[in-house]
């Protein structure tokens, strides 16, 4: 059985109530500070909430423009009208980048403009768009690998073979274990062949043959290996 409380102990104030009373006294004496702190916290909550809803609205508007641009050529049925569709999309992407520069849709727009400019033969603009995308994108995003892949073709088109090789290599660092790995090896083999570097060309064609699961790709690289050997 617990010991009985003494009269003295019963007359002593409860410790919890004492602490509570001291806190209330402190708050009463410094009420203005507490009011100011409360108002500050409330303002921070309001500002954060406002910023969140602003960003959601900002991103939604950018995404609607992005969808409009993308659909204008991806759903195009007639190939004869593709250039007009591409140029129309570029116009929308350009406006999107100006109006919503900080949006994710703006970053994706640069990637798509890189693809479009290459398709219509404006290689320098394609290079510029891909480079801008790469500056803004996440390092390990799959689209980063594909942007380097596209950049490699741009440099090859301009006969800038050293930069083409670097671009395909950068693509492979981010996309290993996929179909594009063997394609990049084939691309590097082709670049080395154009540079007259037969040994390196053979090396990468052999890597392609080992990695690819595509019978047509395997047949093509084996024919190049036989020709160079």
Protein backbone atom coordinates (compact mmCIF):
# COMPACT_ATOMS: atom_id res chain seq x y z
CA UNK A 1 0.00 0.00 0.00
CA UNK A 2 1.28 3.49 -0.85
CA UNK A 3 2.32 5.69 2.07
CA UNK A 4 -0.23 8.26 3.18
CA UNK A 5 0.50 11.90 2.30
CA UNK A 6 1.49 14.10 5.20
CA UNK A 7 -0.43 17.27 6.05
CA UNK A 8 2.57 19.33 4.99
CA UNK A 9 2.68 17.60 1.60
CA UNK A 10 -1.04 18.16 1.09
CA UNK A 11 -0.64 21.86 1.82
CA UNK A 12 2.19 22.24 -0.75
CA UNK A 13 1.06 23.50 -4.21
CA UNK A 14 0.79 20.91 -7.02
CA UNK A 15 3.93 21.16 -9.21
CA UNK A 16 1.99 20.90 -12.48
CA UNK A 17 -0.36 23.69 -11.48
CA UNK A 18 2.55 25.82 -10.31
CA UNK A 19 4.33 25.51 -13.65
CA UNK A 20 1.10 26.21 -15.49
CA UNK A 21 0.50 29.33 -13.41
CA UNK A 22 4.03 30.58 -14.10
CA UNK A 23 3.53 30.06 -17.85
CA UNK A 24 0.25 31.97 -17.77
CA UNK A 25 1.90 34.80 -15.85
CA UNK A 26 4.72 34.96 -18.38
CA UNK A 27 2.27 35.02 -21.31
CA UNK A 28 0.24 37.74 -19.57
CA UNK A 29 3.33 39.89 -19.03
CA UNK A 30 4.53 39.43 -22.62
CA UNK A 31 1.18 39.25 -24.39
CA UNK A 32 2.17 41.76 -27.08
CA UNK A 33 5.10 39.61 -28.13
CA UNK A 34 2.90 36.53 -28.31
CA UNK A 35 0.27 38.39 -30.34
CA UNK A 36 2.97 39.56 -32.77
CA UNK A 37 4.41 36.05 -33.05
CA UNK A 38 0.93 34.62 -33.67
CA UNK A 39 0.24 37.17 -36.38
CA UNK A 40 3.63 36.41 -37.99
CA UNK A 41 2.93 32.67 -38.00
CA UNK A 42 -0.52 33.28 -39.49
CA UNK A 43 0.96 35.49 -42.20
CA UNK A 44 3.56 32.84 -43.03
CA UNK A 45 0.82 30.20 -43.35
CA UNK A 46 -1.23 32.50 -45.59
CA UNK A 47 1.79 33.34 -47.76
CA UNK A 48 2.82 29.70 -48.11
CA UNK A 49 -0.73 28.70 -48.97
CA UNK A 50 -0.98 31.53 -51.49
CA UNK A 51 2.35 30.60 -53.05
CA UNK A 52 1.30 26.96 -53.32
CA UNK A 53 -1.96 27.80 -55.11
CA UNK A 54 -0.14 30.31 -57.32
CA UNK A 55 2.39 27.65 -58.39
CA UNK A 56 -0.34 25.08 -59.04
CA UNK A 57 -2.21 27.57 -61.23
CA UNK A 58 1.04 28.65 -62.92
CA UNK A 59 2.03 25.06 -63.76
CA UNK A 60 -1.49 24.18 -64.92
CA UNK A 61 -1.60 27.08 -67.38
CA UNK A 62 1.85 26.17 -68.69
CA UNK A 63 0.83 22.53 -69.11
CA UNK A 64 -2.26 23.51 -71.09
CA UNK A 65 -0.11 25.49 -73.52
CA UNK A 66 2.35 22.60 -73.71
CA UNK A 67 -0.43 20.13 -74.53
CA UNK A 68 -1.78 22.46 -77.20
CA UNK A 69 1.64 22.70 -78.85
CA UNK A 70 2.38 18.98 -78.61
CA UNK A 71 -1.01 17.92 -79.96
CA UNK A 72 -0.73 20.33 -82.89
CA UNK A 73 1.88 18.10 -84.54
CA UNK A 74 1.76 14.73 -82.74
CA UNK A 75 -1.84 14.21 -83.87
CA UNK A 76 -1.19 15.53 -87.37
CA UNK A 77 -2.56 13.08 -89.90
CA UNK A 78 -1.11 14.44 -93.15
CA UNK A 79 2.68 14.28 -93.50
CA UNK A 80 2.55 16.97 -96.22
CA UNK A 81 1.47 19.51 -93.61
CA UNK A 82 4.01 18.51 -90.96
CA UNK A 83 6.33 21.49 -91.40
CA UNK A 84 3.49 23.95 -90.86
CA UNK A 85 2.38 21.95 -87.83
CA UNK A 86 5.95 21.95 -86.45
CA UNK A 87 6.32 25.71 -86.92
CA UNK A 88 2.97 26.32 -85.26
CA UNK A 89 4.07 24.19 -82.29
CA UNK A 90 7.37 26.07 -82.04
CA UNK A 91 5.42 29.33 -81.85
CA UNK A 92 3.36 28.02 -78.93
CA UNK A 93 6.43 26.59 -77.17
CA UNK A 94 8.23 29.92 -77.58
CA UNK A 95 5.31 31.83 -76.03
CA UNK A 96 5.11 29.28 -73.22
CA UNK A 97 8.78 29.79 -72.37
CA UNK A 98 8.27 33.58 -72.30
CA UNK A 99 5.10 33.51 -70.20
CA UNK A 100 5.99 30.64 -67.82
CA UNK A 101 9.81 30.47 -67.81
CA UNK A 102 10.00 28.75 -64.43
CA UNK A 103 7.61 25.92 -65.23
CA UNK A 104 8.46 22.29 -65.89
CA UNK A 105 6.54 22.59 -69.16
CA UNK A 106 8.97 25.31 -70.29
CA UNK A 107 11.91 22.94 -69.72
CA UNK A 108 10.18 20.17 -71.70
CA UNK A 109 9.42 22.67 -74.46
CA UNK A 110 13.14 23.12 -75.14
CA UNK A 111 13.54 19.35 -75.56
CA UNK A 112 10.65 19.19 -78.02
CA UNK A 113 11.92 22.22 -79.93
CA UNK A 114 15.26 20.43 -80.27
CA UNK A 115 13.47 17.50 -81.92
CA UNK A 116 11.35 19.73 -84.15
CA UNK A 117 14.21 21.91 -85.38
CA UNK A 118 16.22 18.80 -86.28
CA UNK A 119 13.25 17.35 -88.20
CA UNK A 120 12.86 20.50 -90.29
CA UNK A 121 16.60 20.80 -90.93
CA UNK A 122 17.44 23.76 -88.66
CA UNK A 123 20.35 22.03 -86.93
CA UNK A 124 21.89 25.04 -85.18
CA UNK A 125 18.56 25.91 -83.55
CA UNK A 126 18.18 22.27 -82.60
CA UNK A 127 21.58 22.28 -80.87
CA UNK A 128 20.70 25.48 -79.02
CA UNK A 129 17.37 24.06 -77.84
CA UNK A 130 18.88 20.77 -76.66
CA UNK A 131 21.65 22.60 -74.79
CA UNK A 132 19.13 24.85 -73.04
CA UNK A 133 17.10 21.80 -72.03
CA UNK A 134 20.22 20.09 -70.66
CA UNK A 135 21.09 23.13 -68.54
CA UNK A 136 17.62 23.10 -66.98
CA UNK A 137 16.90 19.37 -66.69
CA UNK A 138 17.61 16.83 -63.99
CA UNK A 139 20.94 15.05 -64.45
CA UNK A 140 19.49 11.53 -64.44
CA UNK A 141 16.21 12.18 -66.21
CA UNK A 142 15.61 9.79 -69.12
CA UNK A 143 14.99 12.82 -71.35
CA UNK A 144 18.51 14.05 -70.55
CA UNK A 145 19.87 10.89 -72.16
CA UNK A 146 17.59 11.36 -75.16
CA UNK A 147 18.62 15.02 -75.50
CA UNK A 148 22.28 13.99 -75.68
CA UNK A 149 21.23 11.35 -78.20
CA UNK A 150 19.57 14.01 -80.36
CA UNK A 151 22.53 16.33 -79.91
CA UNK A 152 24.82 13.60 -81.22
CA UNK A 153 22.87 13.46 -84.49
CA UNK A 154 23.01 17.26 -84.77
CA UNK A 155 26.78 17.31 -84.43
CA UNK A 156 27.09 14.42 -86.87
CA UNK A 157 24.99 16.39 -89.36
CA UNK A 158 27.44 19.29 -89.00
CA UNK A 159 30.40 16.87 -89.32
CA UNK A 160 31.49 17.84 -85.81
CA UNK A 161 32.42 14.25 -85.09
CA UNK A 162 34.27 14.77 -81.80
CA UNK A 163 31.25 16.44 -80.20
CA UNK A 164 28.98 13.81 -81.73
CA UNK A 165 30.99 11.08 -79.99
CA UNK A 166 30.89 12.95 -76.66
CA UNK A 167 27.13 13.37 -76.96
CA UNK A 168 26.50 9.68 -77.65
CA UNK A 169 28.83 8.78 -74.77
CA UNK A 170 26.93 11.14 -72.43
CA UNK A 171 23.69 9.56 -73.54
CA UNK A 172 24.97 6.09 -72.75
CA UNK A 173 26.09 7.06 -69.25
CA UNK A 174 22.46 7.77 -68.40
CA UNK A 175 20.70 5.07 -70.35
CA UNK A 176 22.68 1.85 -69.80
CA UNK A 177 20.84 -1.43 -70.01
CA UNK A 178 18.28 -0.23 -72.54
CA UNK A 179 17.75 -0.50 -76.27
CA UNK A 180 19.38 2.91 -76.72
CA UNK A 181 22.67 1.63 -75.33
CA UNK A 182 23.22 -0.66 -78.32
CA UNK A 183 21.99 2.07 -80.70
CA UNK A 184 24.50 4.52 -79.23
CA UNK A 185 27.28 1.95 -79.68
CA UNK A 186 26.25 1.64 -83.34
CA UNK A 187 26.22 5.42 -83.65
CA UNK A 188 29.72 5.67 -82.21
CA UNK A 189 30.91 2.94 -84.54
CA UNK A 190 29.49 4.87 -87.49
CA UNK A 191 31.14 8.12 -86.33
CA UNK A 192 34.54 6.46 -85.92
CA UNK A 193 34.15 4.94 -89.38
CA UNK A 194 33.47 8.40 -90.83
CA UNK A 195 36.58 9.66 -89.04
CA UNK A 196 38.64 6.90 -90.67
CA UNK A 197 39.35 5.25 -87.32
CA UNK A 198 38.69 1.65 -88.30
CA UNK A 199 39.92 0.02 -85.07
CA UNK A 200 37.53 2.03 -82.85
CA UNK A 201 34.69 1.54 -85.35
CA UNK A 202 35.11 -2.22 -85.17
CA UNK A 203 35.22 -2.11 -81.37
CA UNK A 204 31.87 -0.34 -81.13
CA UNK A 205 30.21 -2.38 -83.85
CA UNK A 206 31.19 -5.51 -81.91
CA UNK A 207 29.76 -4.01 -78.72
CA UNK A 208 26.54 -3.36 -80.62
CA UNK A 209 26.38 -6.95 -81.84
CA UNK A 210 26.83 -8.21 -78.25
CA UNK A 211 24.21 -5.89 -76.75
CA UNK A 212 21.43 -5.73 -79.33
CA UNK A 213 18.35 -7.94 -79.36
CA UNK A 214 17.23 -6.57 -82.71
CA UNK A 215 17.95 -9.07 -85.54
CA UNK A 216 18.04 -6.30 -88.16
CA UNK A 217 20.51 -4.22 -86.12
CA UNK A 218 22.65 -7.30 -85.53
CA UNK A 219 22.69 -8.10 -89.27
CA UNK A 220 23.66 -4.53 -90.16
CA UNK A 221 26.53 -4.23 -87.70
CA UNK A 222 27.85 -7.67 -88.62
CA UNK A 223 27.93 -6.59 -92.24
CA UNK A 224 29.98 -3.53 -91.22
CA UNK A 225 32.29 -5.69 -89.13
CA UNK A 226 32.85 -8.00 -92.11
CA UNK A 227 33.48 -5.03 -94.42
CA UNK A 228 35.96 -3.37 -92.09
CA UNK A 229 37.70 -6.60 -91.18
